[in-house]
Structure formats: C-alpha cells, structure tokens
C-alpha atoms as a PDB file:
ATOM      1  CA  MET A   1       6.908 -25.442 -11.888  1.00  0.00           C
ATOM      2  CA  VAL A   2       4.506 -23.810  -9.449  1.00  0.00           C
ATOM      3  CA  ILE A   3       5.907 -22.416  -6.212  1.00  0.00           C
ATOM      4  CA  VAL A   4       4.542 -20.464  -3.264  1.00  0.00           C
ATOM      5  CA  LEU A   5       6.810 -17.579  -2.274  1.00  0.00           C
ATOM      6  CA  PRO A   6       6.567 -14.793   0.300  1.00  0.00           C
ATOM      7  CA  ARG A   7       5.272 -11.649  -1.429  1.00  0.00           C
ATOM      8  CA  GLN A   8       8.404  -9.867  -0.248  1.00  0.00           C
ATOM      9  CA  ASN A   9      10.454 -11.922  -2.723  1.00  0.00           C
ATOM     10  CA  LEU A  10       8.337 -10.511  -5.550  1.00  0.00           C
ATOM     11  CA  SER A  11       8.058  -6.916  -4.347  1.00  0.00           C
ATOM     12  CA  GLY A  12      10.814  -6.123  -1.839  1.00  0.00           C
ATOM     13  CA  THR A  13      13.317  -3.376  -2.572  1.00  0.00           C
ATOM     14  CA  GLN A  14      16.214  -5.144  -0.852  1.00  0.00           C
ATOM     15  CA  HIS A  15      19.150  -5.794  -3.173  1.00  0.00           C
ATOM     16  CA  THR A  16      18.871  -9.574  -2.797  1.00  0.00           C
ATOM     17  CA  SER A  17      15.161  -9.573  -3.718  1.00  0.00           C
ATOM     18  CA  VAL A  18      15.697  -7.356  -6.765  1.00  0.00           C
ATOM     19  CA  GLU A  19      18.610  -9.504  -7.985  1.00  0.00           C
ATOM     20  CA  LEU A  20      16.526 -12.659  -7.484  1.00  0.00           C
ATOM     21  CA  ARG A  21      13.800 -11.286  -9.757  1.00  0.00           C
ATOM     22  CA  LYS A  22      16.310 -10.158 -12.413  1.00  0.00           C
ATOM     23  CA  TRP A  23      17.868 -13.626 -12.389  1.00  0.00           C
ATOM     24  CA  LEU A  24      14.443 -15.287 -12.548  1.00  0.00           C
ATOM     25  CA  LEU A  25      13.358 -13.259 -15.573  1.00  0.00           C
ATOM     26  CA  LYS A  26      16.525 -14.350 -17.382  1.00  0.00           C
ATOM     27  CA  GLN A  27      16.354 -18.023 -16.430  1.00  0.00           C
ATOM     28  CA  ALA A  28      12.688 -18.885 -16.911  1.00  0.00           C
ATOM     29  CA  LYS A  29       9.463 -17.882 -18.585  1.00  0.00           C
ATOM     30  CA  ILE A  30       6.939 -16.669 -16.022  1.00  0.00           C
ATOM     31  CA  THR A  31       3.535 -17.797 -17.235  1.00  0.00           C
ATOM     32  CA  ALA A  32       1.365 -16.629 -14.334  1.00  0.00           C
ATOM     33  CA  ILE A  33       1.438 -14.933 -10.925  1.00  0.00           C
ATOM     34  CA  VAL A  34      -1.433 -15.102  -8.453  1.00  0.00           C
ATOM     35  CA  ASP A  35      -1.280 -13.001  -5.293  1.00  0.00           C
ATOM     36  CA  LEU A  36      -3.007 -14.736  -2.388  1.00  0.00           C
ATOM     37  CA  PRO A  37      -4.788 -12.898   0.445  1.00  0.00           C
ATOM     38  CA  ARG A  38      -3.075 -12.603   3.810  1.00  0.00           C
ATOM     39  CA  GLU A  39      -5.563 -15.121   5.234  1.00  0.00           C
ATOM     40  CA  ALA A  40      -4.392 -17.905   2.893  1.00  0.00           C
ATOM     41  CA  PHE A  41      -2.200 -19.652   5.487  1.00  0.00           C
ATOM     42  CA  GLN A  42      -3.733 -18.250   8.649  1.00  0.00           C
ATOM     43  CA  PRO A  43      -4.232 -18.921  11.499  1.00  0.00           C
ATOM     44  CA  HIS A  44      -0.756 -20.508  11.313  1.00  0.00           C
ATOM     45  CA  THR A  45       1.064 -17.649   9.571  1.00  0.00           C
ATOM     46  CA  GLY A  46       0.033 -14.234   8.286  1.00  0.00           C
ATOM     47  CA  THR A  47       2.828 -13.934   5.719  1.00  0.00           C
ATOM     48  CA  LYS A  48       1.535 -12.581   2.416  1.00  0.00           C
ATOM     49  CA  THR A  49       2.307 -15.007  -0.396  1.00  0.00           C
ATOM     50  CA  SER A  50       2.018 -15.446  -4.148  1.00  0.00           C
ATOM     51  CA  LEU A  51       1.844 -18.383  -6.532  1.00  0.00           C
ATOM     52  CA  ILE A  52       4.382 -18.244  -9.373  1.00  0.00           C
ATOM     53  CA  PHE A  53       3.992 -20.452 -12.442  1.00  0.00           C
ATOM     54  CA  LEU A  54       7.242 -20.962 -14.376  1.00  0.00           C
ATOM     55  CA  GLU A  55       8.518 -22.707 -17.480  1.00  0.00           C
ATOM     56  CA  LYS A  56      12.225 -23.519 -17.750  1.00  0.00           C
ATOM     57  CA  VAL A  57      13.440 -22.487 -21.203  1.00  0.00           C
ATOM     58  CA  LYS A  58      16.933 -22.021 -22.616  1.00  0.00           C
ATOM     59  CA  ASN A  59      16.367 -18.535 -23.993  1.00  0.00           C
ATOM     60  CA  PRO A  60      13.252 -16.779 -22.606  1.00  0.00           C
ATOM     61  CA  GLU A  61      11.574 -14.473 -25.086  1.00  0.00           C
ATOM     62  CA  GLU A  62      12.180 -10.768 -24.654  1.00  0.00           C
ATOM     63  CA  ASP A  63       8.497  -9.996 -24.921  1.00  0.00           C
ATOM     64  CA  TYR A  64       5.634 -12.287 -23.849  1.00  0.00           C
ATOM     65  CA  SER A  65       2.400 -12.078 -21.874  1.00  0.00           C
ATOM     66  CA  VAL A  66       2.132 -12.912 -18.171  1.00  0.00           C
ATOM     67  CA  PHE A  67      -1.257 -13.765 -16.674  1.00  0.00           C
ATOM     68  CA  MET A  68      -1.784 -12.115 -13.278  1.00  0.00           C
ATOM     69  CA  ALA A  69      -4.532 -12.256 -10.670  1.00  0.00           C
ATOM     70  CA  VAL A  70      -5.207 -10.885  -7.195  1.00  0.00           C
ATOM     71  CA  SER A  71      -7.220 -13.256  -5.034  1.00  0.00           C
ATOM     72  CA  GLU A  72      -9.411 -11.672  -2.348  1.00  0.00           C
ATOM     73  CA  ALA A  73     -10.674 -14.754  -0.501  1.00  0.00           C
ATOM     74  CA  VAL A  74      -9.753 -18.413  -0.104  1.00  0.00           C
ATOM     75  CA  GLY A  75     -12.728 -19.617   1.921  1.00  0.00           C
ATOM     76  CA  HIS A  76     -11.709 -18.704   5.471  1.00  0.00           C
ATOM     77  CA  ASP A  77     -10.813 -15.710   7.620  1.00  0.00           C
ATOM     78  CA  ARG A  78      -7.640 -15.036   9.633  1.00  0.00           C
ATOM     79  CA  ARG A  79      -8.870 -17.303  12.426  1.00  0.00           C
ATOM     80  CA  GLY A  80      -9.578 -20.209  10.085  1.00  0.00           C
ATOM     81  CA  ASN A  81     -13.348 -19.793  10.216  1.00  0.00           C
ATOM     82  CA  PRO A  82     -15.293 -20.152   6.947  1.00  0.00           C
ATOM     83  CA  ILE A  83     -16.386 -16.972   5.179  1.00  0.00           C
ATOM     84  CA  TYR A  84     -19.394 -16.720   2.893  1.00  0.00           C
ATOM     85  CA  ARG A  85     -20.284 -14.658  -0.143  1.00  0.00           C
ATOM     86  CA  LYS A  86     -22.549 -11.673   0.402  1.00  0.00           C
ATOM     87  CA  ASP A  87     -24.462  -9.504  -2.017  1.00  0.00           C
ATOM     88  CA  ASP A  88     -24.352  -5.700  -2.086  1.00  0.00           C
ATOM     89  CA  SER A  89     -27.012  -5.500   0.630  1.00  0.00           C
ATOM     90  CA  GLY A  90     -24.942  -7.632   3.020  1.00  0.00           C
ATOM     91  CA  LYS A  91     -27.085 -10.770   2.695  1.00  0.00           C
ATOM     92  CA  PHE A  92     -25.589 -14.223   2.189  1.00  0.00           C
ATOM     93  CA  VAL A  93     -25.572 -15.562  -1.363  1.00  0.00           C
ATOM     94  CA  LEU A  94     -27.271 -18.985  -1.335  1.00  0.00           C
ATOM     95  CA  ASP A  95     -26.832 -22.048  -3.544  1.00  0.00           C
ATOM     96  CA  ASP A  96     -29.641 -24.128  -5.079  1.00  0.00           C
ATOM     97  CA  ASN A  97     -30.126 -25.908  -1.744  1.00  0.00           C
ATOM     98  CA  ASN A  98     -30.491 -22.607   0.120  1.00  0.00           C
ATOM     99  CA  ASN A  99     -27.101 -22.935   1.813  1.00  0.00           C
ATOM    100  CA  PRO A 100     -24.609 -20.042   2.030  1.00  0.00           C
ATOM    101  CA  ILE A 101     -21.802 -20.223  -0.536  1.00  0.00           C
ATOM    102  CA  ILE A 102     -18.206 -20.265   0.692  1.00  0.00           C
ATOM    103  CA  TRP A 103     -16.258 -17.248  -0.597  1.00  0.00           C
ATOM    104  CA  ASN A 104     -13.261 -18.658  -2.450  1.00  0.00           C
ATOM    105  CA  ASP A 105     -12.392 -16.896  -5.700  1.00  0.00           C
ATOM    106  CA  LEU A 106      -9.563 -19.219  -6.804  1.00  0.00           C
ATOM    107  CA  PRO A 107     -11.933 -21.297  -9.020  1.00  0.00           C
ATOM    108  CA  GLU A 108     -12.980 -18.045 -10.738  1.00  0.00           C
ATOM    109  CA  ILE A 109      -9.328 -17.167 -11.313  1.00  0.00           C
ATOM    110  CA  LYS A 110      -8.839 -20.635 -12.827  1.00  0.00           C
ATOM    111  CA  GLN A 111     -11.737 -19.929 -15.223  1.00  0.00           C
ATOM    112  CA  GLN A 112     -10.078 -16.683 -16.280  1.00  0.00           C
ATOM    113  CA  TRP A 113      -6.794 -18.537 -16.774  1.00  0.00           C
ATOM    114  CA  ASP A 114      -8.562 -21.037 -19.073  1.00  0.00           C
ATOM    115  CA  LEU A 115     -10.054 -18.103 -20.983  1.00  0.00           C
ATOM    116  CA  TYR A 116      -6.592 -16.565 -21.343  1.00  0.00           C
ATOM    117  CA  LYS A 117      -5.091 -19.872 -22.521  1.00  0.00           C
ATOM    118  CA  SER A 118      -7.769 -20.095 -25.213  1.00  0.00           C
ATOM    119  CA  GLY A 119      -6.467 -16.833 -26.677  1.00  0.00           C
ATOM    120  CA  LYS A 120      -8.938 -14.412 -25.073  1.00  0.00           C
ATOM    121  CA  LYS A 121      -8.332 -11.585 -22.616  1.00  0.00           C
ATOM    122  CA  PRO A 122      -9.306 -12.087 -18.953  1.00  0.00           C
ATOM    123  CA  LYS A 123     -12.539 -10.221 -18.199  1.00  0.00           C
ATOM    124  CA  SER A 124     -12.729 -10.363 -14.414  1.00  0.00           C
ATOM    125  CA  ILE A 125     -12.397  -7.241 -12.258  1.00  0.00           C
ATOM    126  CA  LYS A 126     -13.365  -8.978  -9.024  1.00  0.00           C
ATOM    127  CA  PRO A 127     -11.284 -11.050  -8.563  1.00  0.00           C
ATOM    128  CA  SER A 128      -8.949  -8.931 -10.627  1.00  0.00           C
ATOM    129  CA  CYS A 129      -7.402 -10.857 -13.540  1.00  0.00           C
ATOM    130  CA  PHE A 130      -5.282  -9.180 -16.198  1.00  0.00           C
ATOM    131  CA  VAL A 131      -2.242  -9.534 -18.448  1.00  0.00           C
ATOM    132  CA  VAL A 132       1.131  -7.770 -18.154  1.00  0.00           C
ATOM    133  CA  ASN A 133       3.898  -7.706 -20.734  1.00  0.00           C
ATOM    134  CA  SER A 134       7.166  -9.352 -19.590  1.00  0.00           C
ATOM    135  CA  GLU A 135       9.210  -6.504 -21.048  1.00  0.00           C
ATOM    136  CA  LYS A 136       7.329  -4.146 -18.746  1.00  0.00           C
ATOM    137  CA  LEU A 137       8.337  -6.278 -15.761  1.00  0.00           C
ATOM    138  CA  ARG A 138      11.939  -6.376 -16.907  1.00  0.00           C
ATOM    139  CA  ASN A 139      12.120  -2.607 -17.424  1.00  0.00           C
ATOM    140  CA  ASP A 140      10.675  -1.759 -14.025  1.00  0.00           C
ATOM    141  CA  PRO A 141      13.454  -0.237 -11.827  1.00  0.00           C
ATOM    142  CA  SER A 142      12.896  -2.891  -9.155  1.00  0.00           C
ATOM    143  CA  CYS A 143      11.697  -5.626 -11.541  1.00  0.00           C
ATOM    144  CA  ARG A 144       8.599  -6.053  -9.405  1.00  0.00           C
ATOM    145  CA  ILE A 145       6.521  -9.050 -10.381  1.00  0.00           C
ATOM    146  CA  ASP A 146       3.801  -9.130  -7.708  1.00  0.00           C
ATOM    147  CA  ALA A 147       0.344  -8.941  -9.284  1.00  0.00           C
ATOM    148  CA  TRP A 148      -0.919  -6.319  -6.809  1.00  0.00           C
ATOM    149  CA  TYR A 149       1.652  -3.789  -8.027  1.00  0.00           C
ATOM    150  CA  TRP A 150       0.529  -4.112 -11.658  1.00  0.00           C
ATOM    151  CA  ASP A 151      -3.208  -4.435 -11.014  1.00  0.00           C
ATOM    152  CA  PRO A 152      -5.021  -1.833 -13.179  1.00  0.00           C
ATOM    153  CA  ASN A 153      -8.138  -2.212 -11.028  1.00  0.00           C
ATOM    154  CA  LYS A 154      -6.494  -1.042  -7.803  1.00  0.00           C
ATOM    155  CA  ASN A 155      -6.122   2.516  -6.529  1.00  0.00           C
ATOM    156  CA  ASP A 156      -2.464   3.658  -6.577  1.00  0.00           C
ATOM    157  CA  LEU A 157      -2.685   5.033  -3.043  1.00  0.00           C
ATOM    158  CA  ALA A 158      -4.143   1.765  -1.781  1.00  0.00           C
ATOM    159  CA  LYS A 159      -1.217  -0.046  -3.399  1.00  0.00           C
ATOM    160  CA  SER A 160       1.337   2.125  -1.618  1.00  0.00           C
ATOM    161  CA  LEU A 161      -0.420   1.677   1.727  1.00  0.00           C
ATOM    162  CA  MET A 162      -0.507  -2.092   1.389  1.00  0.00           C
ATOM    163  CA  ASP A 163       3.182  -2.041   0.484  1.00  0.00           C
ATOM    164  CA  TYR A 164       4.199  -0.127   3.585  1.00  0.00           C
ATOM    165  CA  VAL A 165       4.472  -2.075   6.830  1.00  0.00           C
ATOM    166  CA  GLY A 166       7.279  -0.579   8.866  1.00  0.00           C
ATOM    167  CA  ASN A 167       8.189   0.324  12.422  1.00  0.00           C
ATOM    168  CA  ASP A 168       5.262   2.701  12.845  1.00  0.00           C
ATOM    169  CA  ILE A 169       2.716   0.533  11.038  1.00  0.00           C
ATOM    170  CA  THR A 170       2.729  -3.081  12.159  1.00  0.00           C
ATOM    171  CA  GLU A 171      -0.206  -4.266  10.053  1.00  0.00           C
ATOM    172  CA  ILE A 172      -2.595  -2.992   7.409  1.00  0.00           C
ATOM    173  CA  VAL A 173      -6.037  -4.586   7.385  1.00  0.00           C
ATOM    174  CA  ASN A 174      -9.033  -4.439   5.105  1.00  0.00           C
ATOM    175  CA  LEU A 175     -12.100  -2.520   6.233  1.00  0.00           C
ATOM    176  CA  GLY A 176     -14.057  -5.773   6.131  1.00  0.00           C
ATOM    177  CA  ASP A 177     -11.897  -7.125   8.961  1.00  0.00           C
ATOM    178  CA  LEU A 178     -13.085  -4.378  11.321  1.00  0.00           C
ATOM    179  CA  VAL A 179     -16.848  -4.675  10.961  1.00  0.00           C
ATOM    180  CA  ILE A 180     -19.607  -6.877  12.343  1.00  0.00           C
ATOM    181  CA  ASP A 181     -21.101  -9.728  10.307  1.00  0.00           C
ATOM    182  CA  ARG A 182     -23.198  -7.735   7.841  1.00  0.00           C
ATOM    183  CA  GLY A 183     -20.503  -5.101   7.995  1.00  0.00           C
ATOM    184  CA  VAL A 184     -20.535  -3.091   4.788  1.00  0.00           C
ATOM    185  CA  PHE A 185     -23.803  -2.927   2.862  1.00  0.00           C
ATOM    186  CA  TYR A 186     -26.532  -0.789   1.387  1.00  0.00           C
ATOM    187  CA  PRO A 187     -30.246  -1.680   1.364  1.00  0.00           C
ATOM    188  CA  GLY A 188     -32.230  -2.387  -1.766  1.00  0.00           C
ATOM    189  CA  ARG A 189     -34.429   0.223  -3.381  1.00  0.00           C
ATOM    190  CA  HIS A 190     -38.038   0.418  -2.199  1.00  0.00           C
ATOM    191  CA  LYS A 191     -41.161   2.213  -3.351  1.00  0.00           C
ATOM    192  CA  ARG A 192     -41.318   5.589  -1.645  1.00  0.00           C
ATOM    193  CA  ASN A 193     -44.284   6.224   0.638  1.00  0.00           C
ATOM    194  CA  TYR A 194     -44.023   9.862   1.633  1.00  0.00           C
ATOM    195  CA  VAL A 195     -46.278  11.170   4.401  1.00  0.00           C
ATOM    196  CA  LYS A 196     -46.534  14.212   6.641  1.00  0.00           C
ATOM    197  CA  ASN A 197     -44.198  14.820   9.570  1.00  0.00           C
ATOM    198  CA  THR A 198     -45.908  13.238  12.586  1.00  0.00           C
ATOM    199  CA  ASP A 199     -44.926  11.108  15.572  1.00  0.00           C
ATOM    200  CA  LYS A 200     -45.614   8.078  13.338  1.00  0.00           C
ATOM    201  CA  SER A 201     -43.158   9.002  10.611  1.00  0.00           C
ATOM    202  CA  LEU A 202     -39.382   9.176  10.198  1.00  0.00           C
ATOM    203  CA  PRO A 203     -37.221  11.594   8.195  1.00  0.00           C
ATOM    204  CA  PHE A 204     -35.934  10.121   4.933  1.00  0.00           C
ATOM    205  CA  TYR A 205     -32.581  11.672   3.949  1.00  0.00           C
ATOM    206  CA  SER A 206     -30.983  11.703   0.525  1.00  0.00           C
ATOM    207  CA  GLY A 207     -27.232  11.336  -0.042  1.00  0.00           C
ATOM    208  CA  THR A 208     -26.956  15.110  -0.431  1.00  0.00           C
ATOM    209  CA  GLN A 209     -28.977  15.904   2.691  1.00  0.00           C
ATOM    210  CA  ILE A 210     -26.738  13.888   5.039  1.00  0.00           C
ATOM    211  CA  LEU A 211     -23.864  16.160   3.973  1.00  0.00           C
ATOM    212  CA  GLN A 212     -25.722  19.378   4.799  1.00  0.00           C
ATOM    213  CA  ILE A 213     -25.433  21.081   8.183  1.00  0.00           C
ATOM    214  CA  ARG A 214     -29.069  22.185   7.978  1.00  0.00           C
ATOM    215  CA  PRO A 215     -30.795  19.964   5.415  1.00  0.00           C
ATOM    216  CA  PHE A 216     -33.970  21.319   3.864  1.00  0.00           C
ATOM    217  CA  ASP A 217     -36.926  19.842   1.959  1.00  0.00           C
ATOM    218  CA  ILE A 218     -36.807  16.662   4.077  1.00  0.00           C
ATOM    219  CA  LYS A 219     -39.410  14.025   3.263  1.00  0.00           C
ATOM    220  CA  TYR A 220     -40.924  11.501   5.670  1.00  0.00           C
ATOM    221  CA  GLN A 221     -42.026   7.897   5.552  1.00  0.00           C
ATOM    222  CA  PRO A 222     -44.187   5.911   8.015  1.00  0.00           C
ATOM    223  CA  THR A 223     -42.328   4.431  10.969  1.00  0.00           C
ATOM    224  CA  ASP A 224     -44.025   1.072  10.385  1.00  0.00           C
ATOM    225  CA  TYR A 225     -43.470   1.032   6.606  1.00  0.00           C
ATOM    226  CA  LYS A 226     -41.812  -2.402   6.201  1.00  0.00           C
ATOM    227  CA  PRO A 227     -40.161  -1.861   2.767  1.00  0.00           C
ATOM    228  CA  ALA A 228     -38.136   0.988   4.299  1.00  0.00           C
ATOM    229  CA  ARG A 229     -37.154  -0.605   7.599  1.00  0.00           C
ATOM    230  CA  ASN A 230     -33.724  -1.649   6.294  1.00  0.00           C
ATOM    231  CA  HIS A 231     -33.040   2.012   5.572  1.00  0.00           C
ATOM    232  CA  VAL A 232     -32.993   2.999   9.251  1.00  0.00           C
ATOM    233  CA  VAL A 233     -29.485   3.791  10.522  1.00  0.00           C
ATOM    234  CA  GLU A 234     -28.065   3.733  14.042  1.00  0.00           C
ATOM    235  CA  LYS A 235     -25.624   5.832  16.030  1.00  0.00           C
ATOM    236  CA  ASP A 236     -21.915   5.363  15.224  1.00  0.00           C
ATOM    237  CA  TRP A 237     -22.603   3.812  11.811  1.00  0.00           C
ATOM    238  CA  ILE A 238     -20.429   5.268   9.064  1.00  0.00           C
ATOM    239  CA  LEU A 239     -22.179   6.412   5.885  1.00  0.00           C
ATOM    240  CA  ILE A 240     -20.438   6.692   2.504  1.00  0.00           C
ATOM    241  CA  THR A 241     -22.183   8.161  -0.528  1.00  0.00           C
ATOM    242  CA  ARG A 242     -22.065   5.898  -3.587  1.00  0.00           C
ATOM    243  CA  SER A 243     -23.723   8.095  -6.208  1.00  0.00           C
ATOM    244  CA  GLY A 244     -23.586  11.776  -7.083  1.00  0.00           C
ATOM    245  CA  SER A 245     -20.714  13.086  -4.952  1.00  0.00           C
ATOM    246  CA  THR A 246     -19.309   9.604  -4.343  1.00  0.00           C
ATOM    247  CA  GLY A 247     -17.013   8.770  -1.443  1.00  0.00           C
ATOM    248  CA  ARG A 248     -18.235  11.477   0.963  1.00  0.00           C
ATOM    249  CA  VAL A 249     -18.202  10.231   4.560  1.00  0.00           C
ATOM    250  CA  VAL A 250     -20.515  10.935   7.518  1.00  0.00           C
ATOM    251  CA  ILE A 251     -20.787   9.271  10.926  1.00  0.00           C
ATOM    252  CA  VAL A 252     -24.248   8.881  12.434  1.00  0.00           C
ATOM    253  CA  GLY A 253     -24.702  11.089  15.489  1.00  0.00           C
ATOM    254  CA  LYS A 254     -27.788  11.772  17.576  1.00  0.00           C
ATOM    255  CA  GLU A 255     -29.371  13.838  14.775  1.00  0.00           C
ATOM    256  CA  LEU A 256     -29.363  10.974  12.253  1.00  0.00           C
ATOM    257  CA  ASP A 257     -29.774   8.115  14.747  1.00  0.00           C
ATOM    258  CA  GLY A 258     -33.005   6.239  13.971  1.00  0.00           C
ATOM    259  CA  THR A 259     -33.721   8.059  10.703  1.00  0.00           C
ATOM    260  CA  MET A 260     -34.076   6.568   7.222  1.00  0.00           C
ATOM    261  CA  ILE A 261     -31.287   7.065   4.701  1.00  0.00           C
ATOM    262  CA  THR A 262     -31.454   6.438   0.960  1.00  0.00           C
ATOM    263  CA  GLU A 263     -30.032   3.254  -0.580  1.00  0.00           C
ATOM    264  CA  HIS A 264     -27.533   5.459  -2.424  1.00  0.00           C
ATOM    265  CA  VAL A 265     -25.471   5.513   0.781  1.00  0.00           C
ATOM    266  CA  ILE A 266     -23.253   2.618   1.915  1.00  0.00           C
ATOM    267  CA  ARG A 267     -23.469   1.622   5.591  1.00  0.00           C
ATOM    268  CA  VAL A 268     -20.330   0.590   7.502  1.00  0.00           C
ATOM    269  CA  ILE A 269     -20.935  -0.928  10.943  1.00  0.00           C
ATOM    270  CA  VAL A 270     -17.604  -1.014  12.754  1.00  0.00           C
ATOM    271  CA  ASN A 271     -17.075  -3.539  15.533  1.00  0.00           C
ATOM    272  CA  PRO A 272     -16.254  -1.304  18.551  1.00  0.00           C
ATOM    273  CA  LYS A 273     -14.470  -4.223  20.233  1.00  0.00           C
ATOM    274  CA  LEU A 274     -11.836  -4.078  17.490  1.00  0.00           C
ATOM    275  CA  VAL A 275     -11.490  -0.360  16.821  1.00  0.00           C
ATOM    276  CA  ASP A 276     -13.135   2.950  17.676  1.00  0.00           C
ATOM    277  CA  PRO A 277     -15.712   3.778  14.931  1.00  0.00           C
ATOM    278  CA  TYR A 278     -14.652   7.431  15.116  1.00  0.00           C
ATOM    279  CA  TYR A 279     -11.066   6.466  14.288  1.00  0.00           C
ATOM    280  CA  VAL A 280     -12.274   4.639  11.173  1.00  0.00           C
ATOM    281  CA  TYR A 281     -14.483   7.601  10.286  1.00  0.00           C
ATOM    282  CA  ALA A 282     -11.567  10.039  10.674  1.00  0.00           C
ATOM    283  CA  TYR A 283      -9.397   7.848   8.472  1.00  0.00           C
ATOM    284  CA  LEU A 284     -12.015   7.455   5.710  1.00  0.00           C
ATOM    285  CA  ALA A 285     -12.840  11.172   5.801  1.00  0.00           C
ATOM    286  CA  SER A 286      -9.187  12.276   5.647  1.00  0.00           C
ATOM    287  CA  GLU A 287      -8.497  14.256   2.487  1.00  0.00           C
ATOM    288  CA  ASN A 288      -5.043  12.877   1.709  1.00  0.00           C
ATOM    289  CA  ILE A 289      -5.719   9.194   2.357  1.00  0.00           C
ATOM    290  CA  GLY A 290      -9.287   8.046   2.985  1.00  0.00           C
ATOM    291  CA  LEU A 291     -11.072  10.100   0.360  1.00  0.00           C
ATOM    292  CA  GLN A 292      -8.502   9.181  -2.277  1.00  0.00           C
ATOM    293  CA  VAL A 293      -8.904   5.478  -1.514  1.00  0.00           C
ATOM    294  CA  LEU A 294     -12.702   5.753  -1.693  1.00  0.00           C
ATOM    295  CA  ASP A 295     -12.570   7.688  -4.962  1.00  0.00           C
END
C-alpha cells in the first residue's frame, strides 16, 4: 500500500499520533517514506505531507531497513506556477532543445529507490535519500517516522525550526521563497584584470575584505571589464561567504554598493515586497539561529 498522510501523523507529539505510529510499526513493514515539500498540493492546501509505502505482514521483522527521502521540489511553487532548475550562478538549466528544465526531484528519488532495491546504498544528498533501521524508529521516544527528522544531511537546528509552528510562528518558509527570480546565486570565476584606482575602475573585494571595517590592500578592475560585470553587487543585497570563514553575513550598504565582490561570496537578493531585506539579514547574522543554520 502507498498512502499520503499529513506529516503531523508521522511526527506529531500528540498521544494519538504516537500511538498510531507504534501500532503501525507492529502491524506492517514500512518499506519507504518520502517527505513531500509544502508546495506539493498547493495552491489548494499547504499541509505538509509524506508518502508511506507499506507491506502487510503477519509478523514484521524486528530489524529491517527503511528507505527514506526528502523531496525539495515537485515542479511548481506555492501558487501553482512552474519552477525551473537553476545552477549555482542562478541561471536556468537547459535541456537539449535549449528549454528550461522543470525542477521536480521525484524521478531522481525513484532512481535512488531502484538503486536501493538492487542492494546498493542510496548516494543522493540533494534530494536527500538515505536508509534508516526500523529498530531505530521503534526505539525513538516518539516513534517518529518522518524522513526529515532522520535526515543525516540536514542541520539539527533547521530540523527543530521546521518542526515548530505554534501560536507565535504561523509559518516557516525557505529562503528561496523570499527572493526575486535569480534569488540566491554566486557568479562564475573570471580571469582577474587588476588596474590602478581611477574613475574607470571599481574596487574588487575578497570574502575577507567585506568583513573588515576598514579593508586594506584593495585591488581594482576596469568598470567596463565584461567578465567581471556579474560580480557587481547592489544596495540591500545580502552577502554570505562560502569559503574560508564560511557562513559570515554582510548586507550591502552605500560603501559596497556598485563594487565588485569575489565569486567566493553568495548573493541573496530579497524581494522587498515580501519581507524587509534587513530583517532577513538580521536573522541570518544571528549567532544562535542564522549562523548555525548556515554552518
């Protein structure tokens, strides 16, 4: 049997949910669990759901493997509009006919399932596919069986945040839902063309220099140097270092506006119609939450 259930049935701490999972683990063999993204059934409903694959057996084994996966995209956003794959620089990934490819990772999860059924371990980190021992599920205090909870590729703090939607927090969204189209990206590497500081050149900052109050040893590149044009940043963009001291966060003010920044820094362009960029910056830069998630 394959059934779609609200994620709450797999993860909730209510007595009825916990007892349901205990009963299920005694009555059937769970062969696979696939957590679906919140967008799966939107725009009609935003309920988070999971697919559960079951086999009815008289006496389920005490110890067997359960295939798990966490889907990130099913081809459309929360409004029902198609979403497309992008590379690390924020550009659309194109097929052989030069058309953008719909972002739906369920076929990739199916490939990992086939690999698992052939006796091999799943190898995918994105989408995350892995195996959990049934005894581990059974021994968990709440008998949680949602894939997200057991995902070894997810940050523990991020897991707890996604779990918590209460009276004070009505919804938790992904960063990608708060940005413009090219949203989160970093430009490709280019050949450096350093020149003197003139009115025809722009400062070129390293990942370390954007963290310094008074950066020194700044280099410059020509304003009209095409290979470096994608490195120019604008006011209110959020910058996140991705090498060296990774996960450090800076927001572009008037000092960095219009300058060139190395490709070792991720750009986040928040949609101001959805949320204040400075709120997102404050969250990402917070020591107890944002920095831990980024690390």
